């Protein structure tokens, strides 16, 4: 998603602006890392791994959507 975000910034000028620091982004990043590490452990049940990975994906999509919305709204005002 990050690479698509950067590439899209070349076509959509509002996406080319810097984002302010965000505790939400940092939290989602940590959740992604921990979830991926736990999911690859052999002792992790498949259902648990699937559920936590699905939550991680939803959080990542939510985070990117929130940043896109903020960039679009602030980009229109300038």
PDB file of N, CA and C in Angstrom:
ATOM      1  N   UNK A   1       0.819  -1.185   0.000  1.00  0.00           N
ATOM      2  CA  UNK A   1       0.000   0.000   0.000  1.00  0.00           C
ATOM      3  C   UNK A   1       0.871   1.260   0.000  1.00  0.00           C
ATOM      4  N   UNK A   2       1.975   1.202   0.665  1.00  0.00           N
ATOM      5  CA  UNK A   2       2.859   2.373   0.729  1.00  0.00           C
ATOM      6  C   UNK A   2       3.383   2.744  -0.655  1.00  0.00           C
ATOM      7  N   UNK A   3       3.767   1.741  -1.435  1.00  0.00           N
ATOM      8  CA  UNK A   3       4.302   2.027  -2.768  1.00  0.00           C
ATOM      9  C   UNK A   3       3.224   2.619  -3.671  1.00  0.00           C
ATOM     10  N   UNK A   4       2.017   2.100  -3.585  1.00  0.00           N
ATOM     11  CA  UNK A   4       0.906   2.656  -4.367  1.00  0.00           C
ATOM     12  C   UNK A   4       0.618   4.089  -3.933  1.00  0.00           C
ATOM     13  N   UNK A   5       0.729   4.353  -2.635  1.00  0.00           N
ATOM     14  CA  UNK A   5       0.505   5.692  -2.097  1.00  0.00           C
ATOM     15  C   UNK A   5       1.533   6.680  -2.656  1.00  0.00           C
ATOM     16  N   UNK A   6       2.789   6.278  -2.682  1.00  0.00           N
ATOM     17  CA  UNK A   6       3.857   7.146  -3.183  1.00  0.00           C
ATOM     18  C   UNK A   6       3.705   7.382  -4.683  1.00  0.00           C
ATOM     19  N   UNK A   7       3.424   6.331  -5.422  1.00  0.00           N
ATOM     20  CA  UNK A   7       3.253   6.467  -6.877  1.00  0.00           C
ATOM     21  C   UNK A   7       2.047   7.340  -7.200  1.00  0.00           C
ATOM     22  N   UNK A   8       0.949   7.159  -6.473  1.00  0.00           N
ATOM     23  CA  UNK A   8      -0.248   7.973  -6.714  1.00  0.00           C
ATOM     24  C   UNK A   8       0.025   9.443  -6.425  1.00  0.00           C
ATOM     25  N   UNK A   9       0.972   9.719  -5.535  1.00  0.00           N
ATOM     26  CA  UNK A   9       1.329  11.101  -5.235  1.00  0.00           C
ATOM     27  C   UNK A   9       1.901  11.842  -6.432  1.00  0.00           C
ATOM     28  N   UNK A  10       2.408  11.115  -7.412  1.00  0.00           N
ATOM     29  CA  UNK A  10       2.915  11.757  -8.626  1.00  0.00           C
ATOM     30  C   UNK A  10       1.782  12.235  -9.529  1.00  0.00           C
ATOM     31  N   UNK A  11       0.627  11.579  -9.452  1.00  0.00           N
ATOM     32  CA  UNK A  11      -0.510  11.970 -10.285  1.00  0.00           C
ATOM     33  C   UNK A  11      -1.470  12.896  -9.567  1.00  0.00           C
ATOM     34  N   UNK A  12      -1.631  12.694  -8.280  1.00  0.00           N
ATOM     35  CA  UNK A  12      -2.556  13.514  -7.498  1.00  0.00           C
ATOM     36  C   UNK A  12      -1.745  14.413  -6.583  1.00  0.00           C
ATOM     37  N   UNK A  13      -1.695  15.670  -6.917  1.00  0.00           N
ATOM     38  CA  UNK A  13      -0.840  16.626  -6.217  1.00  0.00           C
ATOM     39  C   UNK A  13      -1.182  16.749  -4.734  1.00  0.00           C
ATOM     40  N   UNK A  14      -2.453  16.569  -4.358  1.00  0.00           N
ATOM     41  CA  UNK A  14      -2.819  16.715  -2.950  1.00  0.00           C
ATOM     42  C   UNK A  14      -2.171  15.632  -2.085  1.00  0.00           C
ATOM     43  N   UNK A  15      -1.777  14.525  -2.683  1.00  0.00           N
ATOM     44  CA  UNK A  15      -1.161  13.427  -1.937  1.00  0.00           C
ATOM     45  C   UNK A  15       0.336  13.626  -1.739  1.00  0.00           C
ATOM     46  N   UNK A  16       0.886  14.625  -2.374  1.00  0.00           N
ATOM     47  CA  UNK A  16       2.326  14.844  -2.343  1.00  0.00           C
ATOM     48  C   UNK A  16       2.774  15.678  -1.143  1.00  0.00           C
ATOM     49  N   UNK A  17       1.857  16.013  -0.261  1.00  0.00           N
ATOM     50  CA  UNK A  17       2.171  16.837   0.904  1.00  0.00           C
ATOM     51  C   UNK A  17       2.604  15.961   2.072  1.00  0.00           C
ATOM     52  N   UNK A  18       3.407  16.495   2.969  1.00  0.00           N
ATOM     53  CA  UNK A  18       3.811  15.710   4.148  1.00  0.00           C
ATOM     54  C   UNK A  18       2.650  15.569   5.130  1.00  0.00           C
ATOM     55  N   UNK A  19       2.649  14.457   5.825  1.00  0.00           N
ATOM     56  CA  UNK A  19       1.641  14.210   6.853  1.00  0.00           C
ATOM     57  C   UNK A  19       2.213  14.558   8.225  1.00  0.00           C
ATOM     58  N   UNK A  20       1.376  15.073   9.117  1.00  0.00           N
ATOM     59  CA  UNK A  20       1.871  15.331  10.478  1.00  0.00           C
ATOM     60  C   UNK A  20       2.090  14.003  11.211  1.00  0.00           C
ATOM     61  N   UNK A  21       2.870  14.042  12.276  1.00  0.00           N
ATOM     62  CA  UNK A  21       3.067  12.843  13.087  1.00  0.00           C
ATOM     63  C   UNK A  21       1.728  12.334  13.588  1.00  0.00           C
ATOM     64  N   UNK A  22       1.613  11.013  13.687  1.00  0.00           N
ATOM     65  CA  UNK A  22       0.345  10.433  14.092  1.00  0.00           C
ATOM     66  C   UNK A  22       0.570   9.221  14.988  1.00  0.00           C
ATOM     67  N   UNK A  23      -0.023   9.245  16.159  1.00  0.00           N
ATOM     68  CA  UNK A  23       0.029   8.099  17.054  1.00  0.00           C
ATOM     69  C   UNK A  23      -0.724   6.923  16.432  1.00  0.00           C
ATOM     70  N   UNK A  24      -1.801   7.213  15.698  1.00  0.00           N
ATOM     71  CA  UNK A  24      -2.572   6.170  15.020  1.00  0.00           C
ATOM     72  C   UNK A  24      -1.699   5.404  14.033  1.00  0.00           C
ATOM     73  N   UNK A  25      -0.942   6.116  13.225  1.00  0.00           N
ATOM     74  CA  UNK A  25      -0.074   5.461  12.243  1.00  0.00           C
ATOM     75  C   UNK A  25       0.974   4.592  12.918  1.00  0.00           C
ATOM     76  N   UNK A  26       1.546   5.096  13.998  1.00  0.00           N
ATOM     77  CA  UNK A  26       2.558   4.332  14.737  1.00  0.00           C
ATOM     78  C   UNK A  26       1.945   3.077  15.353  1.00  0.00           C
ATOM     79  N   UNK A  27       0.750   3.201  15.900  1.00  0.00           N
ATOM     80  CA  UNK A  27       0.072   2.058  16.511  1.00  0.00           C
ATOM     81  C   UNK A  27      -0.251   0.996  15.475  1.00  0.00           C
ATOM     82  N   UNK A  28      -0.750   1.408  14.332  1.00  0.00           N
ATOM     83  CA  UNK A  28      -1.075   0.453  13.263  1.00  0.00           C
ATOM     84  C   UNK A  28       0.198  -0.242  12.775  1.00  0.00           C
ATOM     85  N   UNK A  29       1.283   0.483  12.696  1.00  0.00           N
ATOM     86  CA  UNK A  29       2.557  -0.113  12.280  1.00  0.00           C
ATOM     87  C   UNK A  29       2.997  -1.191  13.258  1.00  0.00           C
ATOM     88  N   UNK A  30       2.931  -0.893  14.541  1.00  0.00           N
ATOM     89  CA  UNK A  30       3.319  -1.878  15.559  1.00  0.00           C
ATOM     90  C   UNK A  30       2.394  -3.086  15.495  1.00  0.00           C
ATOM     91  N   UNK A  31       1.091  -2.837  15.331  1.00  0.00           N
ATOM     92  CA  UNK A  31       0.133  -3.943  15.216  1.00  0.00           C
ATOM     93  C   UNK A  31       0.480  -4.824  14.017  1.00  0.00           C
ATOM     94  N   UNK A  32       0.841  -4.222  12.904  1.00  0.00           N
ATOM     95  CA  UNK A  32       1.215  -4.982  11.705  1.00  0.00           C
ATOM     96  C   UNK A  32       2.418  -5.884  11.988  1.00  0.00           C
ATOM     97  N   UNK A  33       3.428  -5.318  12.583  1.00  0.00           N
ATOM     98  CA  UNK A  33       4.666  -6.067  12.836  1.00  0.00           C
ATOM     99  C   UNK A  33       4.420  -7.221  13.802  1.00  0.00           C
ATOM    100  N   UNK A  34       3.761  -6.922  14.913  1.00  0.00           N
ATOM    101  CA  UNK A  34       3.507  -7.962  15.915  1.00  0.00           C
ATOM    102  C   UNK A  34       2.611  -9.053  15.337  1.00  0.00           C
ATOM    103  N   UNK A  35       1.576  -8.666  14.624  1.00  0.00           N
ATOM    104  CA  UNK A  35       0.659  -9.649  14.040  1.00  0.00           C
ATOM    105  C   UNK A  35       1.375 -10.555  13.054  1.00  0.00           C
ATOM    106  N   UNK A  36       2.205  -9.989  12.212  1.00  0.00           N
ATOM    107  CA  UNK A  36       2.934 -10.814  11.248  1.00  0.00           C
ATOM    108  C   UNK A  36       3.903 -11.760  11.934  1.00  0.00           C
ATOM    109  N   UNK A  37       4.561 -11.275  12.980  1.00  0.00           N
ATOM    110  CA  UNK A  37       5.506 -12.149  13.696  1.00  0.00           C
ATOM    111  C   UNK A  37       4.778 -13.281  14.414  1.00  0.00           C
ATOM    112  N   UNK A  38       3.644 -12.984  15.034  1.00  0.00           N
ATOM    113  CA  UNK A  38       2.884 -14.018  15.739  1.00  0.00           C
ATOM    114  C   UNK A  38       2.272 -15.005  14.751  1.00  0.00           C
ATOM    115  N   UNK A  39       1.818 -14.515  13.610  1.00  0.00           N
ATOM    116  CA  UNK A  39       1.149 -15.380  12.629  1.00  0.00           C
ATOM    117  C   UNK A  39       2.083 -16.441  12.054  1.00  0.00           C
ATOM    118  N   UNK A  40       3.374 -16.164  11.987  1.00  0.00           N
ATOM    119  CA  UNK A  40       4.283 -17.153  11.400  1.00  0.00           C
ATOM    120  C   UNK A  40       4.795 -18.176  12.407  1.00  0.00           C
ATOM    121  N   UNK A  41       4.465 -17.990  13.684  1.00  0.00           N
ATOM    122  CA  UNK A  41       4.879 -18.970  14.676  1.00  0.00           C
ATOM    123  C   UNK A  41       4.126 -20.288  14.469  1.00  0.00           C
ATOM    124  N   UNK A  42       4.818 -21.406  14.540  1.00  0.00           N
ATOM    125  CA  UNK A  42       4.148 -22.697  14.334  1.00  0.00           C
ATOM    126  C   UNK A  42       3.069 -23.005  15.374  1.00  0.00           C
ATOM    127  N   UNK A  43       3.181 -22.448  16.571  1.00  0.00           N
ATOM    128  CA  UNK A  43       2.205 -22.760  17.615  1.00  0.00           C
ATOM    129  C   UNK A  43       0.933 -21.914  17.521  1.00  0.00           C
ATOM    130  N   UNK A  44       0.906 -20.937  16.636  1.00  0.00           N
ATOM    131  CA  UNK A  44      -0.256 -20.065  16.500  1.00  0.00           C
ATOM    132  C   UNK A  44      -1.375 -20.805  15.769  1.00  0.00           C
ATOM    133  N   UNK A  45      -2.561 -20.894  16.387  1.00  0.00           N
ATOM    134  CA  UNK A  45      -3.691 -21.545  15.708  1.00  0.00           C
ATOM    135  C   UNK A  45      -4.075 -20.780  14.441  1.00  0.00           C
ATOM    136  N   UNK A  46      -4.477 -21.508  13.430  1.00  0.00           N
ATOM    137  CA  UNK A  46      -4.806 -20.905  12.130  1.00  0.00           C
ATOM    138  C   UNK A  46      -5.924 -19.886  12.251  1.00  0.00           C
ATOM    139  N   UNK A  47      -6.953 -20.195  13.014  1.00  0.00           N
ATOM    140  CA  UNK A  47      -8.072 -19.269  13.172  1.00  0.00           C
ATOM    141  C   UNK A  47      -7.663 -17.967  13.827  1.00  0.00           C
ATOM    142  N   UNK A  48      -6.822 -18.058  14.843  1.00  0.00           N
ATOM    143  CA  UNK A  48      -6.328 -16.858  15.522  1.00  0.00           C
ATOM    144  C   UNK A  48      -5.467 -16.020  14.582  1.00  0.00           C
ATOM    145  N   UNK A  49      -4.587 -16.678  13.851  1.00  0.00           N
ATOM    146  CA  UNK A  49      -3.718 -15.963  12.915  1.00  0.00           C
ATOM    147  C   UNK A  49      -4.554 -15.271  11.837  1.00  0.00           C
ATOM    148  N   UNK A  50      -5.537 -15.968  11.315  1.00  0.00           N
ATOM    149  CA  UNK A  50      -6.394 -15.392  10.274  1.00  0.00           C
ATOM    150  C   UNK A  50      -7.150 -14.182  10.800  1.00  0.00           C
ATOM    151  N   UNK A  51      -7.707 -14.302  12.003  1.00  0.00           N
ATOM    152  CA  UNK A  51      -8.474 -13.190  12.577  1.00  0.00           C
ATOM    153  C   UNK A  51      -7.595 -11.976  12.837  1.00  0.00           C
ATOM    154  N   UNK A  52      -6.430 -12.198  13.425  1.00  0.00           N
ATOM    155  CA  UNK A  52      -5.563 -11.053  13.718  1.00  0.00           C
ATOM    156  C   UNK A  52      -4.999 -10.428  12.442  1.00  0.00           C
ATOM    157  N   UNK A  53      -4.718 -11.237  11.442  1.00  0.00           N
ATOM    158  CA  UNK A  53      -4.251 -10.690  10.165  1.00  0.00           C
ATOM    159  C   UNK A  53      -5.353  -9.900   9.465  1.00  0.00           C
ATOM    160  N   UNK A  54      -6.582 -10.362   9.567  1.00  0.00           N
ATOM    161  CA  UNK A  54      -7.706  -9.624   8.983  1.00  0.00           C
ATOM    162  C   UNK A  54      -7.884  -8.276   9.684  1.00  0.00           C
ATOM    163  N   UNK A  55      -7.765  -8.283  11.004  1.00  0.00           N
ATOM    164  CA  UNK A  55      -7.853  -7.025  11.757  1.00  0.00           C
ATOM    165  C   UNK A  55      -6.715  -6.095  11.364  1.00  0.00           C
ATOM    166  N   UNK A  56      -5.521  -6.645  11.202  1.00  0.00           N
ATOM    167  CA  UNK A  56      -4.366  -5.835  10.804  1.00  0.00           C
ATOM    168  C   UNK A  56      -4.596  -5.197   9.435  1.00  0.00           C
ATOM    169  N   UNK A  57      -5.154  -5.960   8.512  1.00  0.00           N
ATOM    170  CA  UNK A  57      -5.432  -5.415   7.176  1.00  0.00           C
ATOM    171  C   UNK A  57      -6.493  -4.326   7.240  1.00  0.00           C
ATOM    172  N   UNK A  58      -7.530  -4.546   8.019  1.00  0.00           N
ATOM    173  CA  UNK A  58      -8.565  -3.522   8.166  1.00  0.00           C
ATOM    174  C   UNK A  58      -8.006  -2.244   8.782  1.00  0.00           C
ATOM    175  N   UNK A  59      -7.171  -2.395   9.806  1.00  0.00           N
ATOM    176  CA  UNK A  59      -6.553  -1.219  10.421  1.00  0.00           C
ATOM    177  C   UNK A  59      -5.652  -0.478   9.443  1.00  0.00           C
ATOM    178  N   UNK A  60      -4.922  -1.218   8.633  1.00  0.00           N
ATOM    179  CA  UNK A  60      -4.047  -0.589   7.645  1.00  0.00           C
ATOM    180  C   UNK A  60      -4.865   0.175   6.603  1.00  0.00           C
ATOM    181  N   UNK A  61      -5.942  -0.435   6.117  1.00  0.00           N
ATOM    182  CA  UNK A  61      -6.812   0.251   5.150  1.00  0.00           C
ATOM    183  C   UNK A  61      -7.438   1.495   5.767  1.00  0.00           C
ATOM    184  N   UNK A  62      -7.900   1.374   7.011  1.00  0.00           N
ATOM    185  CA  UNK A  62      -8.473   2.518   7.704  1.00  0.00           C
ATOM    186  C   UNK A  62      -7.447   3.650   7.845  1.00  0.00           C
ATOM    187  N   UNK A  63      -6.229   3.301   8.199  1.00  0.00           N
ATOM    188  CA  UNK A  63      -5.181   4.299   8.385  1.00  0.00           C
ATOM    189  C   UNK A  63      -4.876   5.029   7.078  1.00  0.00           C
ATOM    190  N   UNK A  64      -4.730   4.276   5.991  1.00  0.00           N
ATOM    191  CA  UNK A  64      -4.461   4.907   4.701  1.00  0.00           C
ATOM    192  C   UNK A  64      -5.642   5.766   4.251  1.00  0.00           C
ATOM    193  N   UNK A  65      -6.857   5.270   4.445  1.00  0.00           N
ATOM    194  CA  UNK A  65      -8.035   6.047   4.055  1.00  0.00           C
ATOM    195  C   UNK A  65      -8.115   7.349   4.852  1.00  0.00           C
ATOM    196  N   UNK A  66      -7.836   7.282   6.143  1.00  0.00           N
ATOM    197  CA  UNK A  66      -7.867   8.471   6.991  1.00  0.00           C
ATOM    198  C   UNK A  66      -6.831   9.493   6.524  1.00  0.00           C
ATOM    199  N   UNK A  67      -5.631   9.034   6.204  1.00  0.00           N
ATOM    200  CA  UNK A  67      -4.592   9.938   5.722  1.00  0.00           C
ATOM    201  C   UNK A  67      -4.958  10.529   4.365  1.00  0.00           C
ATOM    202  N   UNK A  68      -5.506   9.714   3.481  1.00  0.00           N
ATOM    203  CA  UNK A  68      -5.936  10.224   2.171  1.00  0.00           C
ATOM    204  C   UNK A  68      -7.013  11.283   2.324  1.00  0.00           C
ATOM    205  N   UNK A  69      -7.971  11.030   3.198  1.00  0.00           N
ATOM    206  CA  UNK A  69      -9.041  12.003   3.416  1.00  0.00           C
ATOM    207  C   UNK A  69      -8.470  13.308   3.964  1.00  0.00           C
ATOM    208  N   UNK A  70      -7.544  13.217   4.927  1.00  0.00           N
ATOM    209  CA  UNK A  70      -6.945  14.423   5.492  1.00  0.00           C
ATOM    210  C   UNK A  70      -6.169  15.194   4.418  1.00  0.00           C
ATOM    211  N   UNK A  71      -5.385  14.485   3.625  1.00  0.00           N
ATOM    212  CA  UNK A  71      -4.603  15.129   2.569  1.00  0.00           C
ATOM    213  C   UNK A  71      -5.521  15.807   1.547  1.00  0.00           C
ATOM    214  N   UNK A  72      -6.591  15.133   1.187  1.00  0.00           N
ATOM    215  CA  UNK A  72      -7.531  15.701   0.203  1.00  0.00           C
ATOM    216  C   UNK A  72      -8.202  16.951   0.748  1.00  0.00           C
ATOM    217  N   UNK A  73      -8.660  16.873   2.000  1.00  0.00           N
ATOM    218  CA  UNK A  73      -9.352  18.026   2.584  1.00  0.00           C
ATOM    219  C   UNK A  73      -8.416  19.210   2.791  1.00  0.00           C
ATOM    220  N   UNK A  74      -7.210  18.972   3.244  1.00  0.00           N
ATOM    221  CA  UNK A  74      -6.281  20.086   3.459  1.00  0.00           C
ATOM    222  C   UNK A  74      -5.683  20.564   2.135  1.00  0.00           C
ATOM    223  N   UNK A  75      -5.584  19.693   1.154  1.00  0.00           N
ATOM    224  CA  UNK A  75      -5.049  20.081  -0.147  1.00  0.00           C
ATOM    225  C   UNK A  75      -5.983  20.980  -0.918  1.00  0.00           C
ATOM    226  N   UNK A  76      -7.273  20.815  -0.717  1.00  0.00           N
ATOM    227  CA  UNK A  76      -8.259  21.666  -1.402  1.00  0.00           C
ATOM    228  C   UNK A  76      -8.264  23.072  -0.846  1.00  0.00           C
ATOM    229  N   UNK A  77      -7.909  23.238   0.421  1.00  0.00           N
ATOM    230  CA  UNK A  77      -7.981  24.553   1.073  1.00  0.00           C
ATOM    231  C   UNK A  77      -6.814  25.449   0.693  1.00  0.00           C
ATOM    232  N   UNK A  78      -5.704  24.841   0.210  1.00  0.00           N
ATOM    233  CA  UNK A  78      -4.546  25.672  -0.103  1.00  0.00           C
ATOM    234  C   UNK A  78      -4.500  26.033  -1.556  1.00  0.00           C
TER     235      UNK A  78
END
